[in-house]
Amino acid sequence: MDIIRSWREQKILLKRRFPILSDDDFLFEDGKKETMLQKLEEKLGISKPELTLIFEEIQRS
């Protein structure tokens, strides 16, 4: 997947799409991005492939 939007833009778009998300949901330490993504999956009640598709949609929008 080509990264077109910055991480900041992606967070804003995700928070608009899922108002349940907050800035705290996107915090992660170096090397712990997967942990943050797993927390997003759990909070949104979706699978990893579904979250990946959402990120891909954001890149195309």
C-alpha atoms as a PDB file:
ATOM      1  CA  MET A   1       0.000   0.000   0.000  1.00  0.00           C
ATOM      2  CA  ASP A   2       1.330   3.418  -0.928  1.00  0.00           C
ATOM      3  CA  ILE A   3       1.245   5.950   1.885  1.00  0.00           C
ATOM      4  CA  ILE A   4      -0.353   9.123   0.578  1.00  0.00           C
ATOM      5  CA  ARG A   5      -1.756  10.690   3.724  1.00  0.00           C
ATOM      6  CA  SER A   6       0.243  11.511   6.819  1.00  0.00           C
ATOM      7  CA  TRP A   7      -0.368   9.628  10.048  1.00  0.00           C
ATOM      8  CA  ARG A   8      -1.965  12.802  11.448  1.00  0.00           C
ATOM      9  CA  GLU A   9      -4.433  12.945   8.547  1.00  0.00           C
ATOM     10  CA  GLN A  10      -5.223   9.248   8.909  1.00  0.00           C
ATOM     11  CA  LYS A  11      -5.987   9.680  12.622  1.00  0.00           C
ATOM     12  CA  ILE A  12      -8.315  12.610  11.901  1.00  0.00           C
ATOM     13  CA  LEU A  13     -10.195  10.664   9.236  1.00  0.00           C
ATOM     14  CA  LEU A  14     -10.499   7.608  11.465  1.00  0.00           C
ATOM     15  CA  LYS A  15     -11.818   9.715  14.354  1.00  0.00           C
ATOM     16  CA  ARG A  16     -14.421  11.260  12.028  1.00  0.00           C
ATOM     17  CA  ARG A  17     -15.480   7.840  10.787  1.00  0.00           C
ATOM     18  CA  PHE A  18     -15.463   6.302  14.283  1.00  0.00           C
ATOM     19  CA  PRO A  19     -16.380   8.985  16.847  1.00  0.00           C
ATOM     20  CA  ILE A  20     -15.743   6.470  19.635  1.00  0.00           C
ATOM     21  CA  LEU A  21     -11.987   6.865  19.018  1.00  0.00           C
ATOM     22  CA  SER A  22      -9.882   9.420  20.876  1.00  0.00           C
ATOM     23  CA  ASP A  23      -6.317  10.685  20.545  1.00  0.00           C
ATOM     24  CA  ASP A  24      -5.300   8.284  23.318  1.00  0.00           C
ATOM     25  CA  ASP A  25      -6.310   5.335  21.131  1.00  0.00           C
ATOM     26  CA  PHE A  26      -3.547   6.265  18.689  1.00  0.00           C
ATOM     27  CA  LEU A  27      -0.700   6.531  21.174  1.00  0.00           C
ATOM     28  CA  PHE A  28       2.077   3.988  20.837  1.00  0.00           C
ATOM     29  CA  GLU A  29       5.708   3.608  21.833  1.00  0.00           C
ATOM     30  CA  ASP A  30       8.469   3.013  19.305  1.00  0.00           C
ATOM     31  CA  GLY A  31       8.242  -0.544  18.055  1.00  0.00           C
ATOM     32  CA  LYS A  32       4.750  -1.035  19.536  1.00  0.00           C
ATOM     33  CA  LYS A  33       2.568   0.040  16.611  1.00  0.00           C
ATOM     34  CA  GLU A  34       1.080  -3.476  16.338  1.00  0.00           C
ATOM     35  CA  THR A  35      -0.142  -3.233  19.934  1.00  0.00           C
ATOM     36  CA  MET A  36      -1.910   0.040  19.127  1.00  0.00           C
ATOM     37  CA  LEU A  37      -3.485  -1.507  16.019  1.00  0.00           C
ATOM     38  CA  GLN A  38      -4.716  -4.481  18.067  1.00  0.00           C
ATOM     39  CA  LYS A  39      -6.321  -2.079  20.552  1.00  0.00           C
ATOM     40  CA  LEU A  40      -8.071  -0.293  17.669  1.00  0.00           C
ATOM     41  CA  GLU A  41      -9.358  -3.636  16.362  1.00  0.00           C
ATOM     42  CA  GLU A  42     -10.721  -4.520  19.804  1.00  0.00           C
ATOM     43  CA  LYS A  43     -12.319  -1.119  20.424  1.00  0.00           C
ATOM     44  CA  LEU A  44     -13.967  -1.084  16.993  1.00  0.00           C
ATOM     45  CA  GLY A  45     -14.884  -4.778  17.103  1.00  0.00           C
ATOM     46  CA  ILE A  46     -13.231  -5.522  13.767  1.00  0.00           C
ATOM     47  CA  SER A  47     -10.571  -7.888  12.480  1.00  0.00           C
ATOM     48  CA  LYS A  48      -7.063  -7.016  11.328  1.00  0.00           C
ATOM     49  CA  PRO A  49      -8.002  -7.464   7.636  1.00  0.00           C
ATOM     50  CA  GLU A  50     -10.982  -5.143   8.128  1.00  0.00           C
ATOM     51  CA  LEU A  51      -8.777  -2.496   9.761  1.00  0.00           C
ATOM     52  CA  THR A  52      -6.278  -2.838   6.928  1.00  0.00           C
ATOM     53  CA  LEU A  53      -9.068  -2.236   4.395  1.00  0.00           C
ATOM     54  CA  ILE A  54     -10.156   0.870   6.272  1.00  0.00           C
ATOM     55  CA  PHE A  55      -6.613   2.258   6.174  1.00  0.00           C
ATOM     56  CA  GLU A  56      -6.449   1.496   2.438  1.00  0.00           C
ATOM     57  CA  GLU A  57      -9.771   3.320   1.888  1.00  0.00           C
ATOM     58  CA  ILE A  58      -8.445   6.337   3.762  1.00  0.00           C
ATOM     59  CA  GLN A  59      -5.397   6.422   1.519  1.00  0.00           C
ATOM     60  CA  ARG A  60      -7.593   6.476  -1.585  1.00  0.00           C
ATOM     61  CA  SER A  61     -10.081   9.075  -0.358  1.00  0.00           C
END
